[in-house]
Amino acid sequence: MKLESKTSSQSTVNSYRIITESHGPIVYLEYLNEKGHIIDEILRDEDGNDISDPALLEDVQEFIDAETEEQRRDEKNGLYPTKADVAN
């Protein structure tokens, strides 16, 4: 056996817990590279088993994108609580 090369990079993982009608509670994981681009996505059930359902994955992605856009819009309009608001 011979190790030919090793590459290391930093990535960020965004984890979302979502309740779905078809699968109940699931976890959606997004792996992002250092530039913030999604490099991998995983759906898992509440027991940690991978879910291989392309249609569900697409629905979850659209839901997360819509929620993220709504959050950005709320933050821009001053409607999203700050850390100080949550602490009080």
Protein backbone atom coordinates (compact mmCIF):
# COMPACT_ATOMS: atom_id res chain seq x y z
CA MET A 1 0.00 0.00 0.00
CA LYS A 2 1.25 3.47 -0.83
CA LEU A 3 -0.28 6.84 0.07
CA GLU A 4 -0.08 8.90 -3.06
CA SER A 5 -1.40 12.22 -1.73
CA LYS A 6 -3.45 13.89 0.95
CA THR A 7 -5.53 17.04 0.55
CA SER A 8 -7.09 18.99 3.40
CA SER A 9 -9.64 21.76 3.25
CA GLN A 10 -11.98 23.49 5.63
CA SER A 11 -15.70 23.18 5.25
CA THR A 12 -18.78 24.31 7.13
CA VAL A 13 -21.77 22.13 7.91
CA ASN A 14 -25.24 23.65 8.17
CA SER A 15 -27.67 21.33 9.90
CA TYR A 16 -31.45 21.75 9.69
CA ARG A 17 -34.10 19.70 11.52
CA ILE A 18 -37.34 19.65 9.55
CA ILE A 19 -40.70 17.98 10.14
CA THR A 20 -42.09 16.49 6.92
CA GLU A 21 -45.46 14.91 6.23
CA SER A 22 -43.96 11.97 4.35
CA HIS A 23 -40.94 11.09 6.54
CA GLY A 24 -41.63 12.79 9.87
CA PRO A 25 -38.62 14.50 11.47
CA ILE A 26 -35.54 14.58 9.23
CA VAL A 27 -32.14 16.22 9.28
CA TYR A 28 -30.81 18.05 6.23
CA LEU A 29 -27.05 18.63 6.17
CA GLU A 30 -25.32 21.07 3.82
CA TYR A 31 -21.54 20.89 3.47
CA LEU A 32 -20.06 24.19 2.25
CA ASN A 33 -16.55 24.91 1.05
CA GLU A 34 -14.49 27.89 2.19
CA LYS A 35 -16.23 30.08 -0.43
CA GLY A 36 -19.70 29.19 0.90
CA HIS A 37 -20.69 26.98 -2.03
CA ILE A 38 -22.58 23.77 -1.28
CA ILE A 39 -20.37 20.78 -2.05
CA ASP A 40 -22.58 18.02 -0.63
CA GLU A 41 -26.03 17.50 0.86
CA ILE A 42 -27.43 14.67 2.95
CA LEU A 43 -30.90 13.82 4.19
CA ARG A 44 -31.19 11.60 7.26
CA ASP A 45 -34.08 10.27 9.28
CA GLU A 46 -34.23 10.81 13.04
CA ASP A 47 -32.29 7.55 13.59
CA GLY A 48 -29.38 8.80 11.45
CA ASN A 49 -30.11 6.65 8.40
CA ASP A 50 -29.51 8.26 5.00
CA ILE A 51 -32.65 8.98 2.96
CA SER A 52 -32.24 8.50 -0.78
CA ASP A 53 -35.22 10.40 -2.19
CA PRO A 54 -34.32 12.96 -4.90
CA ALA A 55 -37.81 14.50 -4.92
CA LEU A 56 -37.74 15.01 -1.14
CA LEU A 57 -34.23 16.47 -1.35
CA GLU A 58 -35.40 18.98 -3.95
CA ASP A 59 -38.43 19.93 -1.82
CA VAL A 60 -36.22 20.41 1.25
CA GLN A 61 -33.73 22.55 -0.71
CA GLU A 62 -36.53 24.80 -1.98
CA PHE A 63 -37.98 25.07 1.55
CA ILE A 64 -34.58 25.98 3.07
CA ASP A 65 -33.89 28.52 0.32
CA ALA A 66 -37.29 30.17 0.91
CA GLU A 67 -36.81 30.23 4.71
CA THR A 68 -33.30 31.65 4.35
CA GLU A 69 -34.51 34.36 1.97
CA GLU A 70 -37.35 35.26 4.36
CA GLN A 71 -34.87 35.47 7.26
CA ARG A 72 -32.58 37.76 5.23
CA ARG A 73 -35.53 39.98 4.35
CA ASP A 74 -36.61 40.16 8.02
CA GLU A 75 -33.08 40.99 9.16
CA LYS A 76 -32.84 43.74 6.53
CA ASN A 77 -36.13 45.21 7.75
CA GLY A 78 -35.06 45.01 11.40
CA LEU A 79 -37.63 42.34 12.22
CA TYR A 80 -35.22 39.59 13.20
CA PRO A 81 -34.24 39.58 16.89
CA THR A 82 -30.72 40.48 17.86
CA LYS A 83 -28.70 38.57 20.47
CA ALA A 84 -29.54 41.33 22.95
CA ASP A 85 -33.29 40.88 22.27
CA VAL A 86 -33.07 37.13 22.85
CA ALA A 87 -31.06 37.58 26.07
CA ASN A 88 -33.76 39.80 27.57
